[in-house]
PDB file of N, CA and C in Angstrom:
ATOM      1  N   MET A   1       0.825  -1.202   0.000  1.00  0.00           N
ATOM      2  CA  MET A   1       0.000   0.000   0.000  1.00  0.00           C
ATOM      3  C   MET A   1       0.864   1.259   0.000  1.00  0.00           C
ATOM      4  N   ARG A   2       2.019   1.191   0.620  1.00  0.00           N
ATOM      5  CA  ARG A   2       2.893   2.371   0.607  1.00  0.00           C
ATOM      6  C   ARG A   2       3.265   2.759  -0.824  1.00  0.00           C
ATOM      7  N   GLN A   3       3.529   1.729  -1.632  1.00  0.00           N
ATOM      8  CA  GLN A   3       3.931   2.013  -3.001  1.00  0.00           C
ATOM      9  C   GLN A   3       2.764   2.614  -3.790  1.00  0.00           C
ATOM     10  N   VAL A   4       1.561   2.166  -3.499  1.00  0.00           N
ATOM     11  CA  VAL A   4       0.377   2.733  -4.152  1.00  0.00           C
ATOM     12  C   VAL A   4       0.226   4.200  -3.755  1.00  0.00           C
ATOM     13  N   VAL A   5       0.444   4.503  -2.490  1.00  0.00           N
ATOM     14  CA  VAL A   5       0.346   5.894  -2.021  1.00  0.00           C
ATOM     15  C   VAL A   5       1.417   6.757  -2.690  1.00  0.00           C
ATOM     16  N   HIS A   6       2.646   6.240  -2.802  1.00  0.00           N
ATOM     17  CA  HIS A   6       3.701   7.009  -3.483  1.00  0.00           C
ATOM     18  C   HIS A   6       3.331   7.251  -4.946  1.00  0.00           C
ATOM     19  N   MET A   7       2.794   6.223  -5.599  1.00  0.00           N
ATOM     20  CA  MET A   7       2.425   6.370  -7.007  1.00  0.00           C
ATOM     21  C   MET A   7       1.297   7.387  -7.167  1.00  0.00           C
ATOM     22  N   LEU A   8       0.284   7.283  -6.322  1.00  0.00           N
ATOM     23  CA  LEU A   8      -0.839   8.213  -6.389  1.00  0.00           C
ATOM     24  C   LEU A   8      -0.390   9.643  -6.073  1.00  0.00           C
ATOM     25  N   SER A   9       0.395   9.812  -5.026  1.00  0.00           N
ATOM     26  CA  SER A   9       0.873  11.150  -4.650  1.00  0.00           C
ATOM     27  C   SER A   9       1.724  11.750  -5.757  1.00  0.00           C
ATOM     28  N   SER A  10       2.587  10.942  -6.333  1.00  0.00           N
ATOM     29  CA  SER A  10       3.420  11.420  -7.422  1.00  0.00           C
ATOM     30  C   SER A  10       2.558  11.890  -8.586  1.00  0.00           C
ATOM     31  N   THR A  11       1.589  11.091  -8.949  1.00  0.00           N
ATOM     32  CA  THR A  11       0.710  11.435 -10.068  1.00  0.00           C
ATOM     33  C   THR A  11      -0.042  12.728  -9.815  1.00  0.00           C
ATOM     34  N   VAL A  12      -0.653  12.837  -8.652  1.00  0.00           N
ATOM     35  CA  VAL A  12      -1.464  14.017  -8.339  1.00  0.00           C
ATOM     36  C   VAL A  12      -0.606  15.285  -8.305  1.00  0.00           C
ATOM     37  N   PHE A  13       0.526  15.247  -7.595  1.00  0.00           N
ATOM     38  CA  PHE A  13       1.337  16.455  -7.474  1.00  0.00           C
ATOM     39  C   PHE A  13       2.009  16.835  -8.793  1.00  0.00           C
ATOM     40  N   LEU A  14       2.397  15.857  -9.599  1.00  0.00           N
ATOM     41  CA  LEU A  14       2.978  16.185 -10.904  1.00  0.00           C
ATOM     42  C   LEU A  14       1.921  16.773 -11.837  1.00  0.00           C
ATOM     43  N   LEU A  15       0.708  16.225 -11.813  1.00  0.00           N
ATOM     44  CA  LEU A  15      -0.361  16.775 -12.640  1.00  0.00           C
ATOM     45  C   LEU A  15      -0.726  18.200 -12.222  1.00  0.00           C
ATOM     46  N   LEU A  16      -0.849  18.412 -10.921  1.00  0.00           N
ATOM     47  CA  LEU A  16      -1.197  19.749 -10.434  1.00  0.00           C
ATOM     48  C   LEU A  16      -0.085  20.755 -10.691  1.00  0.00           C
ATOM     49  N   GLY A  17       1.141  20.352 -10.441  1.00  0.00           N
ATOM     50  CA  GLY A  17       2.268  21.275 -10.590  1.00  0.00           C
ATOM     51  C   GLY A  17       2.601  21.583 -12.032  1.00  0.00           C
ATOM     52  N   ALA A  18       2.528  20.591 -12.899  1.00  0.00           N
ATOM     53  CA  ALA A  18       2.894  20.788 -14.296  1.00  0.00           C
ATOM     54  C   ALA A  18       1.791  21.510 -15.076  1.00  0.00           C
ATOM     55  N   ALA A  19       0.571  21.333 -14.664  1.00  0.00           N
ATOM     56  CA  ALA A  19      -0.571  21.990 -15.306  1.00  0.00           C
ATOM     57  C   ALA A  19      -0.548  21.821 -16.822  1.00  0.00           C
ATOM     58  N   GLY A  20      -0.242  20.615 -17.290  1.00  0.00           N
ATOM     59  CA  GLY A  20      -0.275  20.333 -18.715  1.00  0.00           C
ATOM     60  C   GLY A  20       0.988  20.672 -19.474  1.00  0.00           C
ATOM     61  N   LYS A  21       1.960  21.253 -18.805  1.00  0.00           N
ATOM     62  CA  LYS A  21       3.230  21.608 -19.463  1.00  0.00           C
ATOM     63  C   LYS A  21       4.243  20.493 -19.239  1.00  0.00           C
ATOM     64  N   PRO A  22       5.254  20.407 -20.109  1.00  0.00           N
ATOM     65  CA  PRO A  22       6.297  19.397 -19.893  1.00  0.00           C
ATOM     66  C   PRO A  22       7.032  19.643 -18.577  1.00  0.00           C
ATOM     67  N   LEU A  23       7.446  18.566 -17.939  1.00  0.00           N
ATOM     68  CA  LEU A  23       8.198  18.692 -16.691  1.00  0.00           C
ATOM     69  C   LEU A  23       9.606  19.186 -16.977  1.00  0.00           C
ATOM     70  N   PRO A  24      10.111  20.048 -16.130  1.00  0.00           N
ATOM     71  CA  PRO A  24      11.505  20.477 -16.304  1.00  0.00           C
ATOM     72  C   PRO A  24      12.442  19.304 -15.991  1.00  0.00           C
ATOM     73  N   SER A  25      13.555  19.254 -16.697  1.00  0.00           N
ATOM     74  CA  SER A  25      14.507  18.174 -16.406  1.00  0.00           C
ATOM     75  C   SER A  25      15.253  18.506 -15.122  1.00  0.00           C
ATOM     76  N   THR A  26      15.487  17.475 -14.344  1.00  0.00           N
ATOM     77  CA  THR A  26      16.187  17.655 -13.084  1.00  0.00           C
ATOM     78  C   THR A  26      17.085  16.450 -12.833  1.00  0.00           C
ATOM     79  N   ASP A  27      18.273  16.722 -12.351  1.00  0.00           N
ATOM     80  CA  ASP A  27      19.212  15.644 -12.064  1.00  0.00           C
ATOM     81  C   ASP A  27      19.113  15.171 -10.622  1.00  0.00           C
ATOM     82  N   GLU A  28      18.769  16.071  -9.725  1.00  0.00           N
ATOM     83  CA  GLU A  28      18.726  15.733  -8.307  1.00  0.00           C
ATOM     84  C   GLU A  28      17.331  15.916  -7.746  1.00  0.00           C
ATOM     85  N   VAL A  29      16.934  14.927  -6.983  1.00  0.00           N
ATOM     86  CA  VAL A  29      15.653  14.969  -6.296  1.00  0.00           C
ATOM     87  C   VAL A  29      15.947  14.932  -4.805  1.00  0.00           C
ATOM     88  N   PRO A  30      15.337  15.833  -4.030  1.00  0.00           N
ATOM     89  CA  PRO A  30      15.590  15.817  -2.584  1.00  0.00           C
ATOM     90  C   PRO A  30      15.193  14.481  -1.954  1.00  0.00           C
ATOM     91  N   ALA A  31      15.808  14.155  -0.858  1.00  0.00           N
ATOM     92  CA  ALA A  31      15.479  12.934  -0.123  1.00  0.00           C
ATOM     93  C   ALA A  31      14.077  13.056   0.464  1.00  0.00           C
ATOM     94  N   PHE A  32      13.363  11.943   0.479  1.00  0.00           N
ATOM     95  CA  PHE A  32      11.982  11.921   0.949  1.00  0.00           C
ATOM     96  C   PHE A  32      11.859  12.457   2.381  1.00  0.00           C
ATOM     97  N   GLY A  33      12.670  11.936   3.286  1.00  0.00           N
ATOM     98  CA  GLY A  33      12.606  12.359   4.690  1.00  0.00           C
ATOM     99  C   GLY A  33      12.940  13.826   4.878  1.00  0.00           C
ATOM    100  N   ASP A  34      13.960  14.297   4.189  1.00  0.00           N
ATOM    101  CA  ASP A  34      14.355  15.707   4.293  1.00  0.00           C
ATOM    102  C   ASP A  34      13.253  16.625   3.776  1.00  0.00           C
ATOM    103  N   PHE A  35      12.657  16.249   2.652  1.00  0.00           N
ATOM    104  CA  PHE A  35      11.600  17.073   2.062  1.00  0.00           C
ATOM    105  C   PHE A  35      10.409  17.152   3.009  1.00  0.00           C
ATOM    106  N   HIS A  36      10.000  16.009   3.572  1.00  0.00           N
ATOM    107  CA  HIS A  36       8.873  15.998   4.512  1.00  0.00           C
ATOM    108  C   HIS A  36       9.198  16.804   5.772  1.00  0.00           C
ATOM    109  N   GLN A  37      10.399  16.685   6.256  1.00  0.00           N
ATOM    110  CA  GLN A  37      10.782  17.451   7.450  1.00  0.00           C
ATOM    111  C   GLN A  37      10.633  18.950   7.200  1.00  0.00           C
ATOM    112  N   ARG A  38      11.020  19.389   6.021  1.00  0.00           N
ATOM    113  CA  ARG A  38      10.897  20.813   5.681  1.00  0.00           C
ATOM    114  C   ARG A  38       9.435  21.240   5.579  1.00  0.00           C
ATOM    115  N   ILE A  39       8.570  20.334   5.116  1.00  0.00           N
ATOM    116  CA  ILE A  39       7.139  20.646   5.070  1.00  0.00           C
ATOM    117  C   ILE A  39       6.587  20.746   6.490  1.00  0.00           C
ATOM    118  N   TRP A  40       6.916  19.764   7.343  1.00  0.00           N
ATOM    119  CA  TRP A  40       6.393  19.725   8.711  1.00  0.00           C
ATOM    120  C   TRP A  40       6.839  20.927   9.545  1.00  0.00           C
ATOM    121  N   THR A  41       8.050  21.410   9.308  1.00  0.00           N
ATOM    122  CA  THR A  41       8.541  22.543  10.084  1.00  0.00           C
ATOM    123  C   THR A  41       8.041  23.877   9.530  1.00  0.00           C
ATOM    124  N   GLY A  42       7.349  23.855   8.392  1.00  0.00           N
ATOM    125  CA  GLY A  42       6.841  25.075   7.791  1.00  0.00           C
ATOM    126  C   GLY A  42       7.865  25.789   6.927  1.00  0.00           C
ATOM    127  N   GLU A  43       9.025  25.200   6.774  1.00  0.00           N
ATOM    128  CA  GLU A  43      10.074  25.801   5.949  1.00  0.00           C
ATOM    129  C   GLU A  43       9.709  25.746   4.462  1.00  0.00           C
ATOM    130  N   LEU A  44       8.900  24.766   4.105  1.00  0.00           N
ATOM    131  CA  LEU A  44       8.547  24.551   2.706  1.00  0.00           C
ATOM    132  C   LEU A  44       7.036  24.557   2.552  1.00  0.00           C
ATOM    133  N   ASP A  45       6.547  25.319   1.586  1.00  0.00           N
ATOM    134  CA  ASP A  45       5.120  25.421   1.311  1.00  0.00           C
ATOM    135  C   ASP A  45       4.868  24.845  -0.082  1.00  0.00           C
ATOM    136  N   LEU A  46       3.845  24.039  -0.224  1.00  0.00           N
ATOM    137  CA  LEU A  46       3.564  23.397  -1.500  1.00  0.00           C
ATOM    138  C   LEU A  46       2.611  24.196  -2.388  1.00  0.00           C
ATOM    139  N   ALA A  47       2.440  25.481  -2.120  1.00  0.00           N
ATOM    140  CA  ALA A  47       1.525  26.296  -2.913  1.00  0.00           C
ATOM    141  C   ALA A  47       2.068  26.557  -4.319  1.00  0.00           C
ATOM    142  N   ALA A  48       3.364  26.694  -4.454  1.00  0.00           N
ATOM    143  CA  ALA A  48       3.960  26.997  -5.761  1.00  0.00           C
ATOM    144  C   ALA A  48       4.044  25.738  -6.619  1.00  0.00           C
ATOM    145  N   ASP A  49       3.838  25.904  -7.928  1.00  0.00           N
ATOM    146  CA  ASP A  49       3.846  24.768  -8.838  1.00  0.00           C
ATOM    147  C   ASP A  49       5.181  24.034  -8.850  1.00  0.00           C
ATOM    148  N   ASP A  50       6.287  24.763  -8.778  1.00  0.00           N
ATOM    149  CA  ASP A  50       7.599  24.092  -8.807  1.00  0.00           C
ATOM    150  C   ASP A  50       7.798  23.202  -7.582  1.00  0.00           C
ATOM    151  N   ARG A  51       7.209  23.580  -6.467  1.00  0.00           N
ATOM    152  CA  ARG A  51       7.317  22.744  -5.258  1.00  0.00           C
ATOM    153  C   ARG A  51       6.398  21.527  -5.346  1.00  0.00           C
ATOM    154  N   LYS A  52       5.246  21.681  -5.996  1.00  0.00           N
ATOM    155  CA  LYS A  52       4.370  20.527  -6.224  1.00  0.00           C
ATOM    156  C   LYS A  52       5.090  19.515  -7.113  1.00  0.00           C
ATOM    157  N   ILE A  53       5.744  20.019  -8.153  1.00  0.00           N
ATOM    158  CA  ILE A  53       6.502  19.133  -9.041  1.00  0.00           C
ATOM    159  C   ILE A  53       7.603  18.434  -8.257  1.00  0.00           C
ATOM    160  N   ALA A  54       8.321  19.190  -7.443  1.00  0.00           N
ATOM    161  CA  ALA A  54       9.391  18.592  -6.636  1.00  0.00           C
ATOM    162  C   ALA A  54       8.829  17.514  -5.718  1.00  0.00           C
ATOM    163  N   TYR A  55       7.680  17.770  -5.119  1.00  0.00           N
ATOM    164  CA  TYR A  55       7.076  16.793  -4.216  1.00  0.00           C
ATOM    165  C   TYR A  55       6.647  15.541  -4.984  1.00  0.00           C
ATOM    166  N   GLY A  56       6.097  15.728  -6.172  1.00  0.00           N
ATOM    167  CA  GLY A  56       5.745  14.588  -7.009  1.00  0.00           C
ATOM    168  C   GLY A  56       6.968  13.756  -7.359  1.00  0.00           C
ATOM    169  N   LEU A  57       8.073  14.421  -7.673  1.00  0.00           N
ATOM    170  CA  LEU A  57       9.310  13.713  -8.000  1.00  0.00           C
ATOM    171  C   LEU A  57       9.899  13.015  -6.779  1.00  0.00           C
ATOM    172  N   VAL A  58       9.762  13.622  -5.616  1.00  0.00           N
ATOM    173  CA  VAL A  58      10.232  13.003  -4.370  1.00  0.00           C
ATOM    174  C   VAL A  58       9.481  11.692  -4.133  1.00  0.00           C
ATOM    175  N   HIS A  59       8.164  11.725  -4.315  1.00  0.00           N
ATOM    176  CA  HIS A  59       7.366  10.502  -4.148  1.00  0.00           C
ATOM    177  C   HIS A  59       7.739   9.462  -5.202  1.00  0.00           C
ATOM    178  N   TRP A  60       7.949   9.886  -6.445  1.00  0.00           N
ATOM    179  CA  TRP A  60       8.302   8.945  -7.504  1.00  0.00           C
ATOM    180  C   TRP A  60       9.642   8.277  -7.206  1.00  0.00           C
ATOM    181  N   GLU A  61      10.613   9.068  -6.773  1.00  0.00           N
ATOM    182  CA  GLU A  61      11.934   8.513  -6.455  1.00  0.00           C
ATOM    183  C   GLU A  61      11.847   7.549  -5.279  1.00  0.00           C
ATOM    184  N   GLN A  62      11.022   7.867  -4.288  1.00  0.00           N
ATOM    185  CA  GLN A  62      10.851   6.964  -3.151  1.00  0.00           C
ATOM    186  C   GLN A  62      10.210   5.657  -3.604  1.00  0.00           C
ATOM    187  N   LEU A  63       9.236   5.745  -4.497  1.00  0.00           N
ATOM    188  CA  LEU A  63       8.618   4.546  -5.054  1.00  0.00           C
ATOM    189  C   LEU A  63       9.665   3.679  -5.744  1.00  0.00           C
ATOM    190  N   LEU A  64      10.490   4.296  -6.576  1.00  0.00           N
ATOM    191  CA  LEU A  64      11.527   3.545  -7.283  1.00  0.00           C
ATOM    192  C   LEU A  64      12.510   2.890  -6.314  1.00  0.00           C
ATOM    193  N   GLN A  65      12.915   3.633  -5.301  1.00  0.00           N
ATOM    194  CA  GLN A  65      13.842   3.074  -4.315  1.00  0.00           C
ATOM    195  C   GLN A  65      13.211   1.894  -3.576  1.00  0.00           C
ATOM    196  N   ASN A  66      11.963   2.045  -3.178  1.00  0.00           N
ATOM    197  CA  ASN A  66      11.286   0.989  -2.421  1.00  0.00           C
ATOM    198  C   ASN A  66      11.104  -0.286  -3.242  1.00  0.00           C
ATOM    199  N   THR A  67      10.843  -0.140  -4.533  1.00  0.00           N
ATOM    200  CA  THR A  67      10.616  -1.328  -5.353  1.00  0.00           C
ATOM    201  C   THR A  67      11.916  -2.053  -5.698  1.00  0.00           C
ATOM    202  N   ARG A  68      13.041  -1.459  -5.392  1.00  0.00           N
ATOM    203  CA  ARG A  68      14.337  -2.101  -5.646  1.00  0.00           C
ATOM    204  C   ARG A  68      14.824  -2.929  -4.460  1.00  0.00           C
ATOM    205  N   HIS A  69      14.122  -2.892  -3.353  1.00  0.00           N
ATOM    206  CA  HIS A  69      14.540  -3.620  -2.156  1.00  0.00           C
ATOM    207  C   HIS A  69      14.016  -5.054  -2.176  1.00  0.00           C
ATOM    208  N   SER A  70      14.730  -5.929  -1.506  1.00  0.00           N
ATOM    209  CA  SER A  70      14.285  -7.327  -1.419  1.00  0.00           C
ATOM    210  C   SER A  70      12.966  -7.439  -0.652  1.00  0.00           C
ATOM    211  N   ARG A  71      12.714  -6.499   0.243  1.00  0.00           N
ATOM    212  CA  ARG A  71      11.465  -6.523   1.011  1.00  0.00           C
ATOM    213  C   ARG A  71      10.250  -6.426   0.080  1.00  0.00           C
ATOM    214  N   PHE A  72      10.380  -5.636  -0.978  1.00  0.00           N
ATOM    215  CA  PHE A  72       9.295  -5.507  -1.949  1.00  0.00           C
ATOM    216  C   PHE A  72       9.077  -6.826  -2.678  1.00  0.00           C
ATOM    217  N   ASP A  73      10.164  -7.473  -3.077  1.00  0.00           N
ATOM    218  CA  ASP A  73      10.062  -8.773  -3.738  1.00  0.00           C
ATOM    219  C   ASP A  73       9.406  -9.797  -2.820  1.00  0.00           C
ATOM    220  N   GLU A  74       9.752  -9.764  -1.538  1.00  0.00           N
ATOM    221  CA  GLU A  74       9.153 -10.676  -0.569  1.00  0.00           C
ATOM    222  C   GLU A  74       7.649 -10.425  -0.435  1.00  0.00           C
ATOM    223  N   ALA A  75       7.259  -9.162  -0.423  1.00  0.00           N
ATOM    224  CA  ALA A  75       5.841  -8.816  -0.314  1.00  0.00           C
ATOM    225  C   ALA A  75       5.080  -9.313  -1.542  1.00  0.00           C
ATOM    226  N   LEU A  76       5.660  -9.139  -2.723  1.00  0.00           N
ATOM    227  CA  LEU A  76       5.014  -9.634  -3.941  1.00  0.00           C
ATOM    228  C   LEU A  76       4.875 -11.154  -3.912  1.00  0.00           C
ATOM    229  N   GLN A  77       5.877 -11.822  -3.385  1.00  0.00           N
ATOM    230  CA  GLN A  77       5.830 -13.283  -3.286  1.00  0.00           C
ATOM    231  C   GLN A  77       4.709 -13.731  -2.353  1.00  0.00           C
ATOM    232  N   ILE A  78       4.569 -13.054  -1.228  1.00  0.00           N
ATOM    233  CA  ILE A  78       3.507 -13.389  -0.267  1.00  0.00           C
ATOM    234  C   ILE A  78       2.129 -13.202  -0.901  1.00  0.00           C
ATOM    235  N   VAL A  79       1.939 -12.080  -1.574  1.00  0.00           N
ATOM    236  CA  VAL A  79       0.652 -11.810  -2.218  1.00  0.00           C
ATOM    237  C   VAL A  79       0.387 -12.829  -3.321  1.00  0.00           C
ATOM    238  N   SER A  80       1.413 -13.134  -4.093  1.00  0.00           N
ATOM    239  CA  SER A  80       1.271 -14.113  -5.175  1.00  0.00           C
ATOM    240  C   SER A  80       0.886 -15.484  -4.638  1.00  0.00           C
ATOM    241  N   GLU A  81       1.544 -15.932  -3.586  1.00  0.00           N
ATOM    242  CA  GLU A  81       1.232 -17.236  -2.991  1.00  0.00           C
ATOM    243  C   GLU A  81      -0.181 -17.262  -2.436  1.00  0.00           C
ATOM    244  N   ARG A  82      -0.580 -16.185  -1.822  1.00  0.00           N
ATOM    245  CA  ARG A  82      -1.933 -16.104  -1.249  1.00  0.00           C
ATOM    246  C   ARG A  82      -2.986 -16.206  -2.352  1.00  0.00           C
ATOM    247  N   ASN A  83      -2.712 -15.564  -3.477  1.00  0.00           N
ATOM    248  CA  ASN A  83      -3.682 -15.595  -4.580  1.00  0.00           C
ATOM    249  C   ASN A  83      -3.729 -16.951  -5.267  1.00  0.00           C
ATOM    250  N   ARG A  84      -2.643 -17.703  -5.233  1.00  0.00           N
ATOM    251  CA  ARG A  84      -2.594 -19.029  -5.857  1.00  0.00           C
ATOM    252  C   ARG A  84      -3.112 -20.124  -4.931  1.00  0.00           C
ATOM    253  N   SER A  85      -3.245 -19.833  -3.658  1.00  0.00           N
ATOM    254  CA  SER A  85      -3.568 -20.868  -2.684  1.00  0.00           C
ATOM    255  C   SER A  85      -4.976 -21.423  -2.823  1.00  0.00           C
ATOM    256  N   GLY A  86      -5.858 -20.702  -3.471  1.00  0.00           N
ATOM    257  CA  GLY A  86      -7.228 -21.168  -3.609  1.00  0.00           C
ATOM    258  C   GLY A  86      -8.092 -20.861  -2.406  1.00  0.00           C
ATOM    259  N   GLU A  87      -7.491 -20.270  -1.374  1.00  0.00           N
ATOM    260  CA  GLU A  87      -8.288 -19.890  -0.204  1.00  0.00           C
ATOM    261  C   GLU A  87      -9.276 -18.815  -0.607  1.00  0.00           C
ATOM    262  N   GLU A  88     -10.418 -18.860   0.051  1.00  0.00           N
ATOM    263  CA  GLU A  88     -11.390 -17.811  -0.217  1.00  0.00           C
ATOM    264  C   GLU A  88     -10.874 -16.519   0.401  1.00  0.00           C
ATOM    265  N   VAL A  89     -10.848 -15.482  -0.394  1.00  0.00           N
ATOM    266  CA  VAL A  89     -10.362 -14.191   0.064  1.00  0.00           C
ATOM    267  C   VAL A  89     -11.562 -13.376   0.537  1.00  0.00           C
ATOM    268  N   GLN A  90     -11.453 -12.847   1.738  1.00  0.00           N
ATOM    269  CA  GLN A  90     -12.535 -12.029   2.271  1.00  0.00           C
ATOM    270  C   GLN A  90     -12.361 -10.611   1.753  1.00  0.00           C
ATOM    271  N   LEU A  91     -13.370 -10.116   1.054  1.00  0.00           N
ATOM    272  CA  LEU A  91     -13.317  -8.792   0.451  1.00  0.00           C
ATOM    273  C   LEU A  91     -13.668  -7.723   1.479  1.00  0.00           C
ATOM    274  N   LEU A  92     -12.973  -6.598   1.378  1.00  0.00           N
ATOM    275  CA  LEU A  92     -13.299  -5.472   2.264  1.00  0.00           C
ATOM    276  C   LEU A  92     -14.540  -4.740   1.799  1.00  0.00           C
ATOM    277  N   LEU A  93     -14.752  -4.742   0.492  1.00  0.00           N
ATOM    278  CA  LEU A  93     -15.912  -4.086  -0.082  1.00  0.00           C
ATOM    279  C   LEU A  93     -16.755  -5.133  -0.799  1.00  0.00           C
ATOM    280  N   PRO A  94     -18.048  -4.929  -0.905  1.00  0.00           N
ATOM    281  CA  PRO A  94     -18.879  -5.916  -1.593  1.00  0.00           C
ATOM    282  C   PRO A  94     -18.512  -5.973  -3.076  1.00  0.00           C
ATOM    283  N   ALA A  95     -18.540  -7.172  -3.620  1.00  0.00           N
ATOM    284  CA  ALA A  95     -18.235  -7.374  -5.035  1.00  0.00           C
ATOM    285  C   ALA A  95     -19.483  -7.133  -5.874  1.00  0.00           C
ATOM    286  N   ALA A  96     -19.271  -6.720  -7.115  1.00  0.00           N
ATOM    287  CA  ALA A  96     -20.390  -6.533  -8.028  1.00  0.00           C
ATOM    288  C   ALA A  96     -20.968  -7.892  -8.402  1.00  0.00           C
ATOM    289  N   PRO A  97     -22.295  -7.971  -8.587  1.00  0.00           N
ATOM    290  CA  PRO A  97     -22.926  -9.253  -8.921  1.00  0.00           C
ATOM    291  C   PRO A  97     -22.510  -9.741 -10.299  1.00  0.00           C
TER     292      PRO A  97
END
């Protein structure tokens, strides 16, 4: 779910910040923790489009980093095995008829 949140956050902030224009090229993306710390302390405000773009890129980079870890592969394996097991999966939301 963390990766889904990073993907969604990246998409939303890049769409809002870019407003239909091409993204500027950037070589460096701030670290996820550092960027959040600056937001929490009030040092950084996400009102400006360039900061929304930066935040979208921060989330995208975090997503990429997280999917490169063995922990992500292990999580995919667990989900895959659960889906192949044939056990009845209890849905959180009602399924369509």
